[in-house]
Protein backbone atom coordinates (compact mmCIF):
# COMPACT_ATOMS: atom_id res chain seq x y z
CA MET A 1 -7.87 -31.76 -9.59
CA GLY A 2 -8.13 -28.49 -11.54
CA LEU A 3 -7.43 -25.03 -10.19
CA ASN A 4 -11.12 -24.08 -10.10
CA SER A 5 -11.97 -27.13 -7.97
CA VAL A 6 -9.23 -26.18 -5.54
CA LEU A 7 -10.46 -22.61 -5.17
CA ILE A 8 -14.19 -23.25 -5.11
CA ASN A 9 -16.31 -25.72 -3.16
CA HIS A 10 -20.10 -25.93 -3.44
CA ASN A 11 -20.99 -24.49 -0.04
CA ALA A 12 -17.65 -23.07 1.03
CA GLU A 13 -16.25 -19.57 0.97
CA ILE A 14 -13.52 -18.90 -1.54
CA ASN A 15 -10.09 -18.79 0.05
CA SER A 16 -6.62 -18.19 -1.29
CA LEU A 17 -4.43 -20.91 -2.72
CA VAL A 18 -0.70 -20.85 -1.99
CA LEU A 19 1.77 -22.33 -4.47
CA HIS A 20 5.16 -23.13 -2.97
CA TRP A 21 8.06 -22.90 -5.42
CA PRO A 22 11.45 -24.51 -4.81
CA PRO A 23 14.29 -22.00 -5.25
CA SER A 24 15.38 -23.59 -8.54
CA LEU A 25 11.93 -23.01 -10.10
CA ARG A 26 11.05 -19.56 -8.80
CA LEU A 27 9.89 -17.16 -11.45
CA ALA A 28 11.92 -14.11 -12.40
CA GLU A 29 10.10 -10.77 -12.15
CA ASN A 30 9.28 -10.66 -15.85
CA GLN A 31 8.09 -14.29 -15.79
CA PHE A 32 5.86 -13.63 -12.79
CA PHE A 33 4.37 -10.59 -14.54
CA ASP A 34 3.60 -12.71 -17.63
CA PHE A 35 2.12 -15.44 -15.41
CA CYS A 36 -0.25 -12.88 -13.85
CA GLN A 37 -1.21 -11.46 -17.25
CA ALA A 38 -2.10 -14.95 -18.47
CA ASN A 39 -4.43 -15.39 -15.46
CA ARG A 40 -6.17 -12.01 -15.31
CA GLU A 41 -9.29 -13.49 -13.73
CA LEU A 42 -7.26 -14.15 -10.58
CA ARG A 43 -5.54 -11.81 -8.16
CA ILE A 44 -2.03 -13.14 -7.64
CA GLU A 45 0.53 -11.93 -5.14
CA ARG A 46 3.99 -13.24 -4.32
CA THR A 47 5.67 -13.46 -0.93
CA ALA A 48 9.23 -12.41 -0.18
CA GLU A 49 10.10 -16.13 -0.17
CA GLY A 50 8.81 -16.56 -3.73
CA ASP A 51 5.54 -18.39 -3.02
CA CYS A 52 2.47 -17.40 -5.07
CA GLU A 53 -0.78 -16.54 -3.30
CA ILE A 54 -3.73 -16.90 -5.67
CA MET A 55 -7.10 -15.35 -4.84
CA ALA A 56 -10.35 -15.65 -6.75
CA PRO A 57 -12.51 -12.59 -7.51
CA THR A 58 -14.30 -11.04 -4.53
CA GLY A 59 -17.99 -11.23 -3.76
CA GLY A 60 -20.42 -8.43 -4.52
CA GLU A 61 -20.32 -6.68 -1.14
CA THR A 62 -16.53 -6.57 -1.00
CA SER A 63 -16.26 -5.38 -4.60
CA TRP A 64 -18.78 -2.61 -3.94
CA ARG A 65 -16.99 -1.50 -0.78
CA ASN A 66 -13.68 -1.44 -2.64
CA SER A 67 -15.21 0.84 -5.26
CA VAL A 68 -16.44 3.22 -2.54
CA LEU A 69 -12.95 3.43 -1.04
CA LEU A 70 -11.29 3.86 -4.42
CA ALA A 71 -13.67 6.60 -5.54
CA GLN A 72 -13.14 8.68 -2.42
CA LEU A 73 -9.35 8.50 -2.57
CA TYR A 74 -9.28 9.10 -6.33
CA ASN A 75 -11.50 12.18 -6.10
CA TRP A 76 -9.27 13.66 -3.40
CA ALA A 77 -6.05 12.82 -5.27
CA GLU A 78 -7.28 14.49 -8.46
CA GLN A 79 -7.86 17.72 -6.55
CA GLU A 80 -4.75 17.51 -4.36
CA GLY A 81 -2.40 16.65 -7.20
CA SER A 82 0.72 15.31 -5.50
CA GLY A 83 0.09 11.59 -5.98
CA VAL A 84 -1.54 8.84 -8.03
CA VAL A 85 -4.17 6.30 -6.92
CA PHE A 86 -4.09 2.61 -7.87
CA ASP A 87 -6.80 -0.06 -7.60
CA SER A 88 -6.50 -3.67 -6.45
CA SER A 89 -5.23 -4.90 -9.83
CA GLY A 90 -2.04 -2.83 -9.54
CA GLY A 91 1.04 -4.77 -8.47
CA PHE A 92 4.00 -3.41 -6.51
CA ILE A 93 7.38 -5.09 -6.10
CA LEU A 94 8.41 -4.28 -2.54
CA PRO A 95 12.05 -3.86 -1.47
CA ASN A 96 11.93 -7.28 0.25
CA GLY A 97 11.07 -8.96 -3.07
CA ALA A 98 7.36 -9.55 -2.42
CA THR A 99 4.81 -8.49 -5.03
CA ARG A 100 1.65 -7.10 -3.44
CA SER A 101 -1.62 -5.61 -4.70
CA PRO A 102 -3.31 -3.50 -2.01
CA ASP A 103 -7.05 -2.96 -2.35
CA VAL A 104 -6.42 0.77 -2.72
CA SER A 105 -3.09 2.59 -2.75
CA TRP A 106 -1.57 6.02 -3.29
CA VAL A 107 1.95 6.87 -4.45
CA LYS A 108 3.64 10.27 -4.52
CA LYS A 109 4.35 11.51 -8.03
CA SER A 110 7.92 12.25 -6.97
CA HIS A 111 8.45 8.51 -6.37
CA LEU A 112 6.90 7.59 -9.72
CA ALA A 113 8.98 10.18 -11.60
CA VAL A 114 12.18 8.13 -11.28
CA LEU A 115 10.68 5.09 -13.02
CA THR A 116 11.28 4.38 -16.70
CA ASP A 117 8.41 4.17 -19.18
CA LYS A 118 8.86 0.38 -19.33
CA GLN A 119 8.77 0.05 -15.54
CA LYS A 120 5.46 1.92 -15.49
CA THR A 121 3.86 -0.67 -17.78
CA ARG A 122 4.69 -3.55 -15.43
CA PHE A 123 4.54 -4.12 -11.66
CA LEU A 124 5.91 -0.96 -10.08
CA PRO A 125 9.22 -1.49 -8.22
CA LEU A 126 8.31 0.44 -5.10
CA CYS A 127 6.13 0.38 -1.99
CA PRO A 128 3.05 2.64 -1.96
CA ASP A 129 3.15 5.60 0.39
CA PHE A 130 -0.40 4.90 1.59
CA VAL A 131 -2.38 1.64 1.46
CA ILE A 132 -5.91 0.56 2.33
CA GLU A 133 -6.80 -3.09 2.81
CA LEU A 134 -10.43 -4.17 3.14
CA ARG A 135 -11.15 -7.46 4.86
CA SER A 136 -13.45 -9.73 2.87
CA PRO A 137 -15.45 -12.59 4.47
CA SER A 138 -12.82 -15.15 3.44
CA ASP A 139 -9.81 -13.15 4.68
CA THR A 140 -7.96 -14.13 7.85
CA ILE A 141 -7.38 -11.05 9.98
CA ASN A 142 -3.92 -12.19 11.15
CA VAL A 143 -2.77 -12.60 7.55
CA LEU A 144 -3.92 -9.06 6.79
CA HIS A 145 -2.12 -7.72 9.87
CA ASP A 146 1.08 -9.38 8.65
CA LYS A 147 0.60 -7.80 5.24
CA MET A 148 0.12 -4.35 6.75
CA GLN A 149 3.28 -4.77 8.81
CA GLU A 150 5.08 -5.74 5.62
CA TYR A 151 3.99 -2.52 3.92
CA MET A 152 5.23 -0.47 6.86
CA ALA A 153 8.57 -2.31 6.95
CA ASN A 154 9.07 -1.70 3.23
CA GLY A 155 8.43 2.02 3.08
CA SER A 156 4.73 2.84 3.50
CA SER A 157 4.01 5.83 5.72
CA LEU A 158 0.37 4.98 6.45
CA GLY A 159 -1.97 2.03 6.19
CA TRP A 160 -5.62 1.50 7.06
CA LEU A 161 -6.95 -2.03 7.54
CA ILE A 162 -10.75 -1.92 7.47
CA ASP A 163 -12.82 -4.82 8.84
CA PRO A 164 -16.53 -4.41 7.97
CA GLU A 165 -17.51 -7.49 10.00
CA THR A 166 -16.40 -5.96 13.31
CA LYS A 167 -16.66 -2.31 12.14
CA ARG A 168 -13.09 -1.84 13.27
CA VAL A 169 -10.20 0.02 11.64
CA TYR A 170 -6.53 -0.65 12.37
CA VAL A 171 -4.29 2.33 11.70
CA TYR A 172 -0.67 1.58 10.81
CA GLN A 173 2.07 4.20 10.72
CA ALA A 174 5.77 3.65 10.30
CA ASN A 175 7.59 3.13 13.61
CA GLN A 176 4.42 3.60 15.68
CA PRO A 177 2.10 1.21 17.55
CA VAL A 178 -1.03 0.06 15.74
CA VAL A 179 -4.14 2.07 16.69
CA ASN A 180 -7.51 0.30 16.88
CA LEU A 181 -10.67 2.31 16.17
CA ASP A 182 -14.16 0.95 16.80
CA SER A 183 -16.90 2.02 14.38
CA PRO A 184 -15.33 5.31 13.24
CA LEU A 185 -17.51 7.35 10.90
CA SER A 186 -14.51 8.85 9.12
CA LEU A 187 -10.70 8.75 8.94
CA THR A 188 -8.13 11.46 8.34
CA ALA A 189 -4.33 11.56 8.27
CA ASP A 190 -3.09 15.00 7.35
CA GLU A 191 0.52 14.09 8.02
CA VAL A 192 0.49 11.76 4.97
CA VAL A 193 -2.62 12.47 2.84
CA THR A 194 -3.31 16.10 3.72
CA GLY A 195 -6.96 17.05 3.42
CA PHE A 196 -8.24 13.54 2.69
CA LYS A 197 -11.25 12.40 4.69
CA LEU A 198 -12.54 8.86 4.23
CA GLU A 199 -16.25 8.53 4.99
CA LEU A 200 -17.08 5.07 6.36
CA ALA A 201 -20.86 5.03 6.83
CA LYS A 202 -21.40 3.24 3.50
CA ILE A 203 -18.66 0.75 4.31
CA TRP A 204 -20.38 -0.31 7.53
CA ASP A 205 -23.81 -0.64 5.90
CA VAL A 206 -23.91 -1.99 2.35
CA GLY A 207 -26.00 0.35 0.23
CA PHE A 208 -26.62 -1.37 -3.08
C-alpha cells in the first residue's frame, strides 16, 4: 500500500499518518531536515520520542483561514519591528527534541540573533515566543491541546488555539490556566505581542 492510499480514502477526511521509528533507526536532525525537503508536498512534524507525524495539505477553507491569520500577524510585526513571523511550513526544533510547525508563529529578533547563518537555513533550534494553531476538520482537539501544552513547556509565552467549528478560542500562557473564549470577535495580548489585535470575524465565517 502506497503512502497516498494510506493518507487518502475516497469518502474520508484526510488524517495524519504516524511513523514509529525504533531508536536505532531514528533520523538525526540533518537527516530529518533532508527527509522533509524531499517530501515538500507534505507537512511533517516529529515528536520528542522521534516518531514522524505526516499530514497532507489542508482543504480550501483551512488554507484560507491560515492566510487570514498570517496576514494580520505579519502586518503588525512589520510595523512593530521586534520580531519575525513564520508560516506553517517553518519548522522549529524544540528543547525537548520535537520538531513542530505551528500554523502561524512569531519569534523575537533577539532570539534569532544568536543563530548562525547555517542554522537560519534549516529548522530553527528554538521554540517560538507566540504560536497560533488553527483546527482543521480532520484535527483532533485533544491532540492540538497537547501540542499547545508542549509549546508552553518548551518556552512559548503565548498560544492561541482557534477552533472554527465551535467558534471557540483557547488561550495558553506559560504557568497559567487555559482560558476558554466563546465566539470572540478579536484577541489581544499586550503582555507578549504589544499592540497586536487579531480580528476573528472572517475566521468564523468563510469569506471566499
